[in-house]
Amino acid sequence: MDIHQYQLFISNFYKKRNWYQYDSFIRTNFLTEEVGEVCRAIRTIEIGRDRPDEEKITHKKKMDNLIEELGDVLDNLFILADKYDISLEDIMINHKKKLENRYPE
């Protein structure tokens, strides 16, 4: 699946569940929450949680959790881009140009 296909899929998926209608201010709060969950997943991988009330989990489960949380972040970014009719390809192309201009070889 390419990026454009996924952006269409996730937009339709959210619309079917009435999750798409939240305005961008609310959506950025969802994004912030998901970024926090990515941070927690990385902390668990890198330094552990050190909580006696939590069961120990395998490295694979830690990595699976990180992949899941990164997906949640990605979905929120896709929805924000879709709400403003911006393709992910345009974002990548523009950002690449910015980096190349800012940091010439």
Protein backbone atom coordinates (compact mmCIF):
# COMPACT_ATOMS: atom_id res chain seq x y z
CA MET A 1 0.00 0.00 0.00
CA ASP A 2 1.41 3.38 -0.89
CA ILE A 3 1.09 6.54 1.19
CA HIS A 4 -1.75 8.01 -0.86
CA GLN A 5 -3.78 4.78 -0.61
CA TYR A 6 -3.22 4.67 3.15
CA GLN A 7 -4.23 8.32 3.58
CA LEU A 8 -7.50 7.58 1.75
CA PHE A 9 -8.03 4.41 3.78
CA ILE A 10 -7.48 6.09 7.14
CA SER A 11 -9.69 9.07 6.24
CA ASN A 12 -12.54 6.76 5.23
CA PHE A 13 -11.97 4.57 8.29
CA TYR A 14 -12.22 7.59 10.61
CA LYS A 15 -15.25 9.00 8.77
CA LYS A 16 -17.17 5.70 9.09
CA ARG A 17 -16.66 5.81 12.87
CA ASN A 18 -17.50 9.51 13.26
CA TRP A 19 -13.95 10.26 14.43
CA TYR A 20 -13.11 12.50 11.48
CA GLN A 21 -15.45 15.34 12.42
CA TYR A 22 -13.31 16.55 15.33
CA ASP A 23 -11.78 19.89 14.47
CA SER A 24 -8.05 20.34 14.13
CA PHE A 25 -7.63 21.76 17.64
CA ILE A 26 -9.08 18.58 19.10
CA ARG A 27 -7.17 16.40 16.64
CA THR A 28 -3.86 17.99 17.72
CA ASN A 29 -4.72 17.07 21.30
CA PHE A 30 -5.21 13.47 20.20
CA LEU A 31 -1.87 13.70 18.40
CA THR A 32 -0.17 15.03 21.53
CA GLU A 33 -1.61 12.19 23.60
CA GLU A 34 -0.32 9.64 21.10
CA VAL A 35 3.14 11.24 21.04
CA GLY A 36 3.20 10.82 24.82
CA GLU A 37 2.40 7.15 24.37
CA VAL A 38 5.30 6.84 21.89
CA CYS A 39 7.56 8.41 24.52
CA ARG A 40 6.36 5.93 27.12
CA ALA A 41 6.95 3.01 24.74
CA ILE A 42 10.49 4.19 24.01
CA ARG A 43 11.19 4.70 27.71
CA THR A 44 10.05 1.14 28.36
CA ILE A 45 12.44 -0.16 25.69
CA GLU A 46 15.41 2.01 26.66
CA ILE A 47 15.36 2.24 30.46
CA GLY A 48 12.40 0.19 31.60
CA ARG A 49 9.44 1.20 33.71
CA ASP A 50 10.68 -0.01 37.12
CA ARG A 51 7.15 -0.43 38.41
CA PRO A 52 6.44 -3.38 40.71
CA ASP A 53 2.75 -3.30 39.80
CA GLU A 54 3.45 -3.93 36.09
CA GLU A 55 4.31 -7.32 34.70
CA LYS A 56 7.56 -7.75 32.81
CA ILE A 57 7.13 -7.89 29.06
CA THR A 58 9.36 -9.25 26.34
CA HIS A 59 11.40 -7.09 23.99
CA LYS A 60 9.13 -8.20 21.13
CA LYS A 61 6.03 -6.99 22.99
CA LYS A 62 7.78 -3.69 23.73
CA MET A 63 8.60 -3.28 20.03
CA ASP A 64 5.06 -4.26 19.00
CA ASN A 65 3.74 -1.58 21.35
CA LEU A 66 6.07 1.03 19.84
CA ILE A 67 4.93 0.12 16.33
CA GLU A 68 1.29 0.43 17.43
CA GLU A 69 1.84 3.83 19.03
CA LEU A 70 3.81 5.16 16.04
CA GLY A 71 0.86 4.06 13.89
CA ASP A 72 -1.52 6.08 16.07
CA VAL A 73 0.70 9.15 15.65
CA LEU A 74 0.89 8.57 11.90
CA ASP A 75 -2.89 8.27 11.60
CA ASN A 76 -3.42 11.59 13.38
CA LEU A 77 -0.90 13.27 11.06
CA PHE A 78 -2.67 11.78 8.04
CA ILE A 79 -6.04 13.04 9.25
CA LEU A 80 -4.68 16.55 9.85
CA ALA A 81 -3.14 16.62 6.38
CA ASP A 82 -6.39 15.35 4.87
CA LYS A 83 -8.46 18.01 6.64
CA TYR A 84 -6.33 20.66 4.93
CA ASP A 85 -6.25 18.78 1.61
CA ILE A 86 -2.49 18.25 1.79
CA SER A 87 -1.00 15.09 0.35
CA LEU A 88 1.72 13.31 2.27
CA GLU A 89 3.77 13.31 -0.92
CA ASP A 90 3.66 17.13 -0.97
CA ILE A 91 4.74 17.25 2.67
CA MET A 92 7.68 14.95 1.99
CA ILE A 93 8.76 16.78 -1.17
CA ASN A 94 8.57 20.20 0.49
CA HIS A 95 10.35 19.03 3.61
CA LYS A 96 13.10 17.38 1.59
CA LYS A 97 13.64 20.65 -0.32
CA LYS A 98 13.77 22.59 2.93
CA LEU A 99 16.41 20.27 4.37
CA GLU A 100 18.48 20.27 1.20
CA ASN A 101 18.39 24.08 1.06
CA ARG A 102 19.17 24.47 4.72
CA TYR A 103 21.95 21.89 4.77
CA PRO A 104 23.68 21.86 1.38
CA GLU A 105 26.34 19.22 0.96
